[in-house]
Amino acid sequence: MPAYRAGLQLEKFYVRRAVGDQWGGKDEIYWTAAASSDKHKAPVYMSQEFGAVKEGDTRTFSADNKVVFDGPAAERLGLVVAAWEADQSNAPWYDALFRALQQMVDALWLIDLGLGIIQHPSTDLWSLAFEITKIFIFLKEQVRNHDDLSCARTIILDRRALVTLSPAPGRRLGVRR
């Protein structure tokens, strides 16, 4: 299958619920992501911190820091995106987080490589999603007791999904949940 250029970027988010500092107050949120296609490993992503976020807010990602994936893809693109509530984590904690996220990108790449060797169409996406979920559970255990993981999602897009989500020229497409 020929490769094509795929891009994922974060535009904005809506806060449905507070992420839970026990003493009330306002939350400080940031986002991380690890993404890989069958042709490209994206660099690990971390957004700016959004301060004083409260229920009902809509926030926009910085124009110069919103690209999560930009590269070639042919059959699949996998993404793990997480929202964090910032506490008082130190530099070694962030270093460990980025190492774990990079391991996740590498694992996405290796899993996809293995699935390409097997070439069994019914197992591709389910196996990939299962493995990513296991990796994320490992990541969560490695980084807990510092910044709080509020929400995480694993998204697997096959070629058909990527084509379906691809906007016509000049049209922007948003995905809502």
N, C-alpha and C. Protein backbone atom coordinates (compact mmCIF):
# COMPACT_ATOMS: atom_id res chain seq x y z
N MET A 1 0.85 -1.17 0.00
CA MET A 1 0.00 0.00 0.00
C MET A 1 0.89 1.24 0.00
N PRO A 2 0.67 2.18 -0.89
CA PRO A 2 1.50 3.37 -0.92
C PRO A 2 1.26 4.25 0.31
N ALA A 3 2.29 4.91 0.74
CA ALA A 3 2.18 5.80 1.90
C ALA A 3 1.64 7.15 1.46
N TYR A 4 1.03 7.85 2.39
CA TYR A 4 0.54 9.20 2.17
C TYR A 4 0.87 10.00 3.42
N ARG A 5 0.77 11.30 3.35
CA ARG A 5 1.10 12.17 4.47
C ARG A 5 -0.11 12.29 5.39
N ALA A 6 0.10 12.07 6.68
CA ALA A 6 -0.96 12.20 7.68
C ALA A 6 -0.54 13.22 8.72
N GLY A 7 -1.48 13.96 9.21
CA GLY A 7 -1.21 14.94 10.24
C GLY A 7 -2.32 14.97 11.28
N LEU A 8 -1.92 15.01 12.53
CA LEU A 8 -2.86 15.15 13.64
C LEU A 8 -2.42 16.34 14.47
N GLN A 9 -3.36 17.21 14.76
CA GLN A 9 -3.02 18.33 15.63
C GLN A 9 -4.18 18.60 16.58
N LEU A 10 -3.85 19.13 17.73
CA LEU A 10 -4.84 19.46 18.74
C LEU A 10 -5.26 20.91 18.54
N GLU A 11 -6.55 21.15 18.51
CA GLU A 11 -7.06 22.51 18.31
C GLU A 11 -7.52 23.12 19.63
N LYS A 12 -8.49 22.47 20.28
CA LYS A 12 -9.02 22.98 21.53
C LYS A 12 -9.65 21.85 22.31
N PHE A 13 -9.96 22.12 23.57
CA PHE A 13 -10.64 21.13 24.39
C PHE A 13 -11.66 21.83 25.29
N TYR A 14 -12.68 21.08 25.65
CA TYR A 14 -13.74 21.56 26.52
C TYR A 14 -13.65 20.79 27.84
N VAL A 15 -13.74 21.47 28.95
CA VAL A 15 -13.61 20.85 30.26
C VAL A 15 -15.01 20.45 30.75
N ARG A 16 -15.25 19.14 30.76
CA ARG A 16 -16.55 18.63 31.23
C ARG A 16 -16.62 18.54 32.74
N ARG A 17 -15.49 18.23 33.37
CA ARG A 17 -15.46 18.06 34.83
C ARG A 17 -14.10 18.49 35.35
N ALA A 18 -14.08 18.88 36.60
CA ALA A 18 -12.80 19.19 37.24
C ALA A 18 -12.00 17.90 37.39
N VAL A 19 -10.67 18.01 37.35
CA VAL A 19 -9.85 16.82 37.45
C VAL A 19 -9.52 16.42 38.87
N GLY A 20 -9.82 17.27 39.84
CA GLY A 20 -9.86 16.76 41.18
C GLY A 20 -8.81 17.10 42.20
N ASP A 21 -8.34 18.32 42.29
CA ASP A 21 -7.58 18.66 43.48
C ASP A 21 -8.54 18.57 44.65
N GLN A 22 -8.14 17.87 45.71
CA GLN A 22 -9.05 17.60 46.82
C GLN A 22 -9.47 18.86 47.57
N TRP A 23 -8.69 19.90 47.52
CA TRP A 23 -8.98 21.09 48.30
C TRP A 23 -9.65 22.17 47.47
N GLY A 24 -10.25 21.76 46.36
CA GLY A 24 -10.93 22.75 45.52
C GLY A 24 -9.93 23.55 44.73
N GLY A 25 -10.24 24.77 44.46
CA GLY A 25 -9.34 25.61 43.68
C GLY A 25 -9.46 25.30 42.21
N LYS A 26 -8.49 25.74 41.44
CA LYS A 26 -8.53 25.57 40.00
C LYS A 26 -7.46 24.57 39.57
N ASP A 27 -7.73 23.92 38.46
CA ASP A 27 -6.82 22.91 37.95
C ASP A 27 -5.88 23.50 36.90
N GLU A 28 -4.67 22.98 36.86
CA GLU A 28 -3.71 23.30 35.80
C GLU A 28 -3.56 22.04 34.97
N ILE A 29 -3.84 22.14 33.68
CA ILE A 29 -3.90 20.98 32.80
C ILE A 29 -2.80 21.07 31.74
N TYR A 30 -2.22 19.94 31.40
CA TYR A 30 -1.39 19.84 30.20
C TYR A 30 -1.66 18.48 29.56
N TRP A 31 -1.28 18.36 28.31
CA TRP A 31 -1.56 17.16 27.52
C TRP A 31 -0.25 16.54 27.03
N THR A 32 -0.21 15.21 26.97
CA THR A 32 0.91 14.51 26.35
C THR A 32 0.35 13.55 25.30
N ALA A 33 1.19 13.18 24.35
CA ALA A 33 0.77 12.23 23.33
C ALA A 33 1.97 11.45 22.82
N ALA A 34 1.70 10.22 22.43
CA ALA A 34 2.67 9.37 21.74
C ALA A 34 1.96 8.82 20.52
N ALA A 35 2.56 8.98 19.35
CA ALA A 35 1.90 8.56 18.11
C ALA A 35 2.90 7.88 17.18
N SER A 36 2.38 6.92 16.42
CA SER A 36 3.21 6.21 15.46
C SER A 36 2.32 5.64 14.37
N SER A 37 2.80 5.67 13.15
CA SER A 37 2.10 5.00 12.05
C SER A 37 2.92 3.77 11.66
N ASP A 38 2.46 3.10 10.65
CA ASP A 38 3.22 1.96 10.15
C ASP A 38 4.46 2.41 9.37
N LYS A 39 4.62 3.72 9.17
CA LYS A 39 5.76 4.25 8.41
C LYS A 39 6.59 5.30 9.15
N HIS A 40 6.11 5.75 10.32
CA HIS A 40 6.78 6.89 10.97
C HIS A 40 6.54 6.89 12.48
N LYS A 41 7.60 7.17 13.26
CA LYS A 41 7.48 7.38 14.70
C LYS A 41 7.54 8.88 14.95
N ALA A 42 6.48 9.42 15.53
CA ALA A 42 6.45 10.86 15.82
C ALA A 42 7.21 11.15 17.10
N PRO A 43 7.75 12.36 17.21
CA PRO A 43 8.35 12.72 18.50
C PRO A 43 7.28 12.81 19.58
N VAL A 44 7.66 12.58 20.81
CA VAL A 44 6.74 12.68 21.94
C VAL A 44 6.25 14.12 22.04
N TYR A 45 4.96 14.27 22.36
CA TYR A 45 4.33 15.60 22.40
C TYR A 45 3.96 15.97 23.83
N MET A 46 4.17 17.23 24.18
CA MET A 46 3.69 17.80 25.44
C MET A 46 3.21 19.22 25.16
N SER A 47 1.98 19.52 25.58
CA SER A 47 1.41 20.84 25.33
C SER A 47 1.90 21.84 26.37
N GLN A 48 1.52 23.08 26.16
CA GLN A 48 1.73 24.08 27.19
C GLN A 48 0.79 23.76 28.35
N GLU A 49 1.05 24.37 29.50
CA GLU A 49 0.16 24.19 30.64
C GLU A 49 -0.97 25.21 30.55
N PHE A 50 -2.17 24.73 30.79
CA PHE A 50 -3.35 25.59 30.79
C PHE A 50 -3.71 25.84 32.25
N GLY A 51 -3.50 27.05 32.75
CA GLY A 51 -3.72 27.36 34.15
C GLY A 51 -5.17 27.72 34.45
N ALA A 52 -5.55 27.50 35.70
CA ALA A 52 -6.86 27.88 36.23
C ALA A 52 -8.01 27.35 35.37
N VAL A 53 -7.93 26.10 34.97
CA VAL A 53 -8.99 25.47 34.18
C VAL A 53 -10.11 25.06 35.11
N LYS A 54 -11.34 25.37 34.72
CA LYS A 54 -12.48 24.94 35.52
C LYS A 54 -13.58 24.41 34.61
N GLU A 55 -14.51 23.68 35.20
CA GLU A 55 -15.61 23.06 34.46
C GLU A 55 -16.31 24.10 33.58
N GLY A 56 -16.55 23.70 32.32
CA GLY A 56 -17.23 24.59 31.38
C GLY A 56 -16.30 25.42 30.50
N ASP A 57 -15.01 25.43 30.82
CA ASP A 57 -14.04 26.19 30.01
C ASP A 57 -13.78 25.51 28.67
N THR A 58 -13.46 26.31 27.67
CA THR A 58 -12.91 25.83 26.41
C THR A 58 -11.57 26.51 26.24
N ARG A 59 -10.54 25.73 25.98
CA ARG A 59 -9.19 26.26 25.82
C ARG A 59 -8.64 25.86 24.46
N THR A 60 -7.79 26.72 23.91
CA THR A 60 -7.21 26.51 22.59
C THR A 60 -5.71 26.24 22.74
N PHE A 61 -5.22 25.29 21.98
CA PHE A 61 -3.80 24.96 22.00
C PHE A 61 -3.01 26.04 21.27
N SER A 62 -1.80 26.28 21.71
CA SER A 62 -0.91 27.26 21.10
C SER A 62 -0.66 26.91 19.64
N ALA A 63 -0.71 27.90 18.77
CA ALA A 63 -0.53 27.67 17.32
C ALA A 63 0.82 27.04 17.01
N ASP A 64 1.84 27.32 17.81
CA ASP A 64 3.16 26.78 17.52
C ASP A 64 3.46 25.48 18.27
N ASN A 65 2.46 24.93 18.99
CA ASN A 65 2.68 23.69 19.72
C ASN A 65 1.38 22.88 19.77
N LYS A 66 0.94 22.41 18.61
CA LYS A 66 -0.28 21.61 18.59
C LYS A 66 -0.19 20.37 17.70
N VAL A 67 0.95 20.20 17.01
CA VAL A 67 1.10 19.06 16.10
C VAL A 67 1.54 17.82 16.90
N VAL A 68 0.71 16.78 16.83
CA VAL A 68 0.98 15.52 17.52
C VAL A 68 1.63 14.51 16.57
N PHE A 69 1.23 14.54 15.31
CA PHE A 69 1.79 13.63 14.31
C PHE A 69 1.81 14.34 12.97
N ASP A 70 2.93 14.21 12.27
CA ASP A 70 3.05 14.74 10.91
C ASP A 70 4.07 13.87 10.19
N GLY A 71 3.57 12.97 9.35
CA GLY A 71 4.48 12.07 8.67
C GLY A 71 3.75 11.09 7.79
N PRO A 72 4.49 10.17 7.19
CA PRO A 72 3.88 9.20 6.29
C PRO A 72 3.13 8.10 7.06
N ALA A 73 2.09 7.58 6.42
CA ALA A 73 1.32 6.45 6.92
C ALA A 73 0.77 5.70 5.71
N ALA A 74 0.60 4.40 5.85
CA ALA A 74 0.01 3.63 4.76
C ALA A 74 -1.22 2.87 5.25
N GLU A 75 -1.08 2.10 6.31
CA GLU A 75 -2.17 1.25 6.78
C GLU A 75 -2.79 1.69 8.11
N ARG A 76 -1.97 2.18 9.05
CA ARG A 76 -2.45 2.47 10.40
C ARG A 76 -1.74 3.66 11.01
N LEU A 77 -2.44 4.26 11.98
CA LEU A 77 -1.85 5.29 12.81
C LEU A 77 -2.40 5.09 14.21
N GLY A 78 -1.53 4.95 15.19
CA GLY A 78 -1.94 4.76 16.58
C GLY A 78 -1.54 5.97 17.41
N LEU A 79 -2.37 6.33 18.36
CA LEU A 79 -2.14 7.51 19.18
C LEU A 79 -2.61 7.24 20.60
N VAL A 80 -1.80 7.62 21.57
CA VAL A 80 -2.21 7.63 22.97
C VAL A 80 -2.10 9.07 23.42
N VAL A 81 -3.22 9.63 23.87
CA VAL A 81 -3.24 11.02 24.33
C VAL A 81 -3.74 11.05 25.77
N ALA A 82 -3.13 11.89 26.60
CA ALA A 82 -3.48 11.93 28.02
C ALA A 82 -3.55 13.36 28.51
N ALA A 83 -4.51 13.61 29.40
CA ALA A 83 -4.64 14.90 30.08
C ALA A 83 -4.12 14.72 31.50
N TRP A 84 -3.29 15.65 31.92
CA TRP A 84 -2.66 15.60 33.24
C TRP A 84 -3.05 16.83 34.04
N GLU A 85 -3.19 16.65 35.34
CA GLU A 85 -3.37 17.78 36.26
C GLU A 85 -2.02 18.02 36.89
N ALA A 86 -1.46 19.20 36.65
CA ALA A 86 -0.11 19.50 37.11
C ALA A 86 -0.08 19.76 38.61
N ASP A 87 0.85 19.14 39.28
CA ASP A 87 1.08 19.40 40.69
C ASP A 87 2.46 20.04 40.83
N GLN A 88 3.34 19.41 41.55
CA GLN A 88 4.68 19.97 41.76
C GLN A 88 5.75 19.01 41.31
N SER A 89 5.58 18.41 40.15
CA SER A 89 6.58 17.44 39.69
C SER A 89 7.90 18.14 39.37
N ASN A 90 8.98 17.39 39.56
CA ASN A 90 10.31 17.93 39.33
C ASN A 90 10.86 17.47 37.98
N ALA A 91 12.01 17.97 37.61
CA ALA A 91 12.62 17.65 36.32
C ALA A 91 12.86 16.15 36.14
N PRO A 92 13.36 15.41 37.15
CA PRO A 92 13.53 13.97 36.95
C PRO A 92 12.20 13.25 36.64
N TRP A 93 11.10 13.72 37.23
CA TRP A 93 9.80 13.12 36.94
C TRP A 93 9.44 13.33 35.48
N TYR A 94 9.63 14.56 34.97
CA TYR A 94 9.33 14.83 33.57
C TYR A 94 10.25 14.04 32.64
N ASP A 95 11.51 13.89 33.02
CA ASP A 95 12.43 13.06 32.23
C ASP A 95 11.91 11.62 32.16
N ALA A 96 11.44 11.09 33.29
CA ALA A 96 10.91 9.72 33.31
C ALA A 96 9.64 9.61 32.47
N LEU A 97 8.79 10.64 32.53
CA LEU A 97 7.57 10.65 31.72
C LEU A 97 7.91 10.60 30.24
N PHE A 98 8.87 11.43 29.82
CA PHE A 98 9.23 11.45 28.41
C PHE A 98 9.91 10.15 27.97
N ARG A 99 10.70 9.54 28.83
CA ARG A 99 11.28 8.23 28.51
C ARG A 99 10.18 7.19 28.32
N ALA A 100 9.20 7.20 29.22
CA ALA A 100 8.09 6.24 29.12
C ALA A 100 7.27 6.49 27.86
N LEU A 101 7.01 7.75 27.54
CA LEU A 101 6.27 8.06 26.31
C LEU A 101 7.05 7.64 25.07
N GLN A 102 8.36 7.83 25.10
CA GLN A 102 9.17 7.40 23.96
C GLN A 102 9.15 5.89 23.83
N GLN A 103 9.17 5.17 24.96
CA GLN A 103 9.05 3.72 24.92
C GLN A 103 7.71 3.31 24.32
N MET A 104 6.67 4.10 24.59
CA MET A 104 5.36 3.80 24.02
C MET A 104 5.38 3.98 22.50
N VAL A 105 6.01 5.05 22.02
CA VAL A 105 6.12 5.25 20.57
C VAL A 105 6.90 4.09 19.95
N ASP A 106 8.00 3.71 20.58
CA ASP A 106 8.80 2.60 20.06
C ASP A 106 7.98 1.31 20.06
N ALA A 107 7.19 1.08 21.10
CA ALA A 107 6.36 -0.12 21.17
C ALA A 107 5.29 -0.11 20.08
N LEU A 108 4.67 1.05 19.86
CA LEU A 108 3.68 1.16 18.77
C LEU A 108 4.32 0.74 17.45
N TRP A 109 5.52 1.22 17.23
CA TRP A 109 6.25 0.92 15.99
C TRP A 109 6.54 -0.58 15.88
N LEU A 110 7.04 -1.17 16.97
CA LEU A 110 7.39 -2.59 16.94
C LEU A 110 6.15 -3.48 16.81
N ILE A 111 5.07 -3.12 17.49
CA ILE A 111 3.84 -3.90 17.38
C ILE A 111 3.34 -3.86 15.95
N ASP A 112 3.37 -2.69 15.35
CA ASP A 112 2.91 -2.58 13.97
C ASP A 112 3.81 -3.38 13.03
N LEU A 113 5.10 -3.35 13.28
CA LEU A 113 6.02 -4.14 12.47
C LEU A 113 5.68 -5.63 12.59
N GLY A 114 5.44 -6.09 13.82
CA GLY A 114 5.07 -7.49 14.03
C GLY A 114 3.76 -7.85 13.35
N LEU A 115 2.78 -6.96 13.43
CA LEU A 115 1.50 -7.22 12.78
C LEU A 115 1.65 -7.27 11.26
N GLY A 116 2.57 -6.48 10.74
CA GLY A 116 2.82 -6.52 9.30
C GLY A 116 3.39 -7.85 8.86
N ILE A 117 4.19 -8.47 9.71
CA ILE A 117 4.77 -9.77 9.39
C ILE A 117 3.68 -10.85 9.42
N ILE A 118 2.81 -10.79 10.44
CA ILE A 118 1.74 -11.78 10.58
C ILE A 118 0.74 -11.67 9.43
N GLN A 119 0.37 -10.46 9.07
CA GLN A 119 -0.56 -10.16 7.98
C GLN A 119 -1.89 -10.87 8.13
N HIS A 120 -2.46 -10.80 9.32
CA HIS A 120 -3.80 -11.35 9.54
C HIS A 120 -4.72 -10.16 9.80
N PRO A 121 -5.59 -9.82 8.85
CA PRO A 121 -6.36 -8.58 8.93
C PRO A 121 -7.28 -8.47 10.13
N SER A 122 -7.80 -9.55 10.66
CA SER A 122 -8.75 -9.44 11.76
C SER A 122 -8.07 -9.12 13.09
N THR A 123 -6.78 -9.32 13.21
CA THR A 123 -6.11 -9.09 14.48
C THR A 123 -5.38 -7.76 14.54
N ASP A 124 -5.14 -7.12 13.42
CA ASP A 124 -4.31 -5.92 13.40
C ASP A 124 -4.71 -4.88 14.44
N LEU A 125 -5.87 -4.28 14.30
CA LEU A 125 -6.23 -3.16 15.15
C LEU A 125 -6.53 -3.58 16.58
N TRP A 126 -7.17 -4.73 16.77
CA TRP A 126 -7.48 -5.18 18.12
C TRP A 126 -6.20 -5.49 18.89
N SER A 127 -5.28 -6.16 18.27
CA SER A 127 -4.01 -6.49 18.93
C SER A 127 -3.25 -5.22 19.27
N LEU A 128 -3.22 -4.31 18.34
CA LEU A 128 -2.51 -3.05 18.57
C LEU A 128 -3.12 -2.28 19.73
N ALA A 129 -4.43 -2.16 19.76
CA ALA A 129 -5.11 -1.44 20.85
C ALA A 129 -4.85 -2.12 22.19
N PHE A 130 -4.89 -3.44 22.22
CA PHE A 130 -4.65 -4.18 23.46
C PHE A 130 -3.24 -3.93 23.98
N GLU A 131 -2.26 -4.01 23.11
CA GLU A 131 -0.87 -3.80 23.52
C GLU A 131 -0.63 -2.37 23.99
N ILE A 132 -1.20 -1.41 23.30
CA ILE A 132 -1.03 -0.01 23.71
C ILE A 132 -1.63 0.21 25.09
N THR A 133 -2.78 -0.38 25.34
CA THR A 133 -3.42 -0.24 26.65
C THR A 133 -2.53 -0.82 27.74
N LYS A 134 -1.93 -1.97 27.52
CA LYS A 134 -1.02 -2.55 28.51
C LYS A 134 0.18 -1.64 28.76
N ILE A 135 0.70 -1.06 27.71
CA ILE A 135 1.84 -0.15 27.86
C ILE A 135 1.43 1.07 28.67
N PHE A 136 0.23 1.59 28.40
CA PHE A 136 -0.19 2.78 29.13
C PHE A 136 -0.40 2.49 30.61
N ILE A 137 -0.90 1.30 30.95
CA ILE A 137 -1.03 0.92 32.35
C ILE A 137 0.34 0.90 33.01
N PHE A 138 1.34 0.38 32.32
CA PHE A 138 2.71 0.39 32.83
C PHE A 138 3.18 1.83 33.04
N LEU A 139 2.92 2.69 32.06
CA LEU A 139 3.32 4.10 32.15
C LEU A 139 2.68 4.76 33.37
N LYS A 140 1.40 4.52 33.57
CA LYS A 140 0.69 5.13 34.69
C LYS A 140 1.31 4.73 36.02
N GLU A 141 1.69 3.49 36.16
CA GLU A 141 2.30 3.03 37.40
C GLU A 141 3.68 3.68 37.63
N GLN A 142 4.39 3.94 36.55
CA GLN A 142 5.73 4.51 36.67
C GLN A 142 5.71 5.97 37.09
N VAL A 143 4.65 6.68 36.78
CA VAL A 143 4.65 8.13 37.00
C VAL A 143 3.65 8.59 38.06
N ARG A 144 3.00 7.68 38.75
CA ARG A 144 1.99 8.14 39.70
C ARG A 144 2.63 8.78 40.93
N ASN A 145 1.84 9.49 41.69
CA ASN A 145 2.23 10.23 42.89
C ASN A 145 2.97 11.51 42.57
N HIS A 146 2.91 11.94 41.35
CA HIS A 146 3.42 13.26 41.00
C HIS A 146 2.27 13.99 40.34
N ASP A 147 2.40 14.39 39.09
CA ASP A 147 1.26 14.97 38.40
C ASP A 147 0.20 13.89 38.25
N ASP A 148 -1.06 14.29 38.28
CA ASP A 148 -2.15 13.32 38.26
C ASP A 148 -2.66 13.09 36.86
N LEU A 149 -2.73 11.82 36.47
CA LEU A 149 -3.32 11.47 35.19
C LEU A 149 -4.83 11.61 35.32
N SER A 150 -5.41 12.50 34.52
CA SER A 150 -6.84 12.75 34.59
C SER A 150 -7.62 11.86 33.64
N CYS A 151 -7.11 11.74 32.42
CA CYS A 151 -7.84 11.00 31.40
C CYS A 151 -6.86 10.58 30.32
N ALA A 152 -7.07 9.39 29.78
CA ALA A 152 -6.21 8.92 28.68
C ALA A 152 -7.06 8.15 27.69
N ARG A 153 -6.71 8.29 26.43
CA ARG A 153 -7.40 7.58 25.37
C ARG A 153 -6.39 7.01 24.39
N THR A 154 -6.68 5.79 23.93
CA THR A 154 -5.92 5.16 22.86
C THR A 154 -6.79 5.21 21.62
N ILE A 155 -6.26 5.73 20.54
CA ILE A 155 -7.01 5.87 19.30
C ILE A 155 -6.22 5.16 18.21
N ILE A 156 -6.87 4.22 17.53
CA ILE A 156 -6.24 3.50 16.42
C ILE A 156 -7.04 3.82 15.17
N LEU A 157 -6.37 4.34 14.17
CA LEU A 157 -7.02 4.68 12.90
C LEU A 157 -6.45 3.79 11.81
N ASP A 158 -7.32 3.04 11.14
CA ASP A 158 -6.87 2.28 9.98
C ASP A 158 -6.94 3.18 8.74
N ARG A 159 -6.54 2.65 7.61
CA ARG A 159 -6.50 3.46 6.39
C ARG A 159 -7.87 4.04 6.06
N ARG A 160 -8.90 3.23 6.21
CA ARG A 160 -10.25 3.71 5.89
C ARG A 160 -10.65 4.88 6.80
N ALA A 161 -10.34 4.78 8.09
CA ALA A 161 -10.66 5.86 9.02
C ALA A 161 -9.90 7.13 8.66
N LEU A 162 -8.62 6.99 8.32
CA LEU A 162 -7.83 8.17 7.96
C LEU A 162 -8.38 8.85 6.71
N VAL A 163 -8.78 8.06 5.73
CA VAL A 163 -9.36 8.63 4.51
C VAL A 163 -10.69 9.31 4.83
N THR A 164 -11.51 8.66 5.67
CA THR A 164 -12.80 9.23 6.04
C THR A 164 -12.64 10.54 6.79
N LEU A 165 -11.64 10.62 7.66
CA LEU A 165 -11.42 11.83 8.45
C LEU A 165 -10.67 12.91 7.69
N SER A 166 -10.13 12.57 6.55
CA SER A 166 -9.36 13.53 5.77
C SER A 166 -10.29 14.62 5.23
N PRO A 167 -9.99 15.88 5.54
CA PRO A 167 -10.87 16.95 5.08
C PRO A 167 -10.66 17.25 3.59
N ALA A 168 -11.71 17.74 2.97
CA ALA A 168 -11.58 18.24 1.61
C ALA A 168 -10.71 19.49 1.66
N PRO A 169 -10.06 19.87 0.57
CA PRO A 169 -9.22 21.07 0.58
C PRO A 169 -9.99 22.28 1.11
N GLY A 170 -9.37 22.98 2.05
CA GLY A 170 -9.96 24.18 2.61
C GLY A 170 -10.97 23.94 3.72
N ARG A 171 -11.26 22.68 4.06
CA ARG A 171 -12.23 22.37 5.10
C ARG A 171 -11.51 21.79 6.31
N ARG A 172 -11.86 22.25 7.49
CA ARG A 172 -11.28 21.72 8.73
C ARG A 172 -12.24 20.70 9.30
N LEU A 173 -11.69 19.65 9.86
CA LEU A 173 -12.52 18.59 10.41
C LEU A 173 -12.21 18.40 11.87
N GLY A 174 -13.20 18.40 12.71
CA GLY A 174 -13.01 18.15 14.14
C GLY A 174 -13.63 16.83 14.53
N VAL A 175 -13.03 16.18 15.52
CA VAL A 175 -13.57 14.93 16.02
C VAL A 175 -14.12 15.21 17.40
N ARG A 176 -15.35 14.89 17.63
CA ARG A 176 -15.99 15.13 18.92
C ARG A 176 -16.34 13.81 19.58
N ARG A 177 -16.37 13.83 20.89
CA ARG A 177 -16.75 12.64 21.65
C ARG A 177 -17.91 12.99 22.54
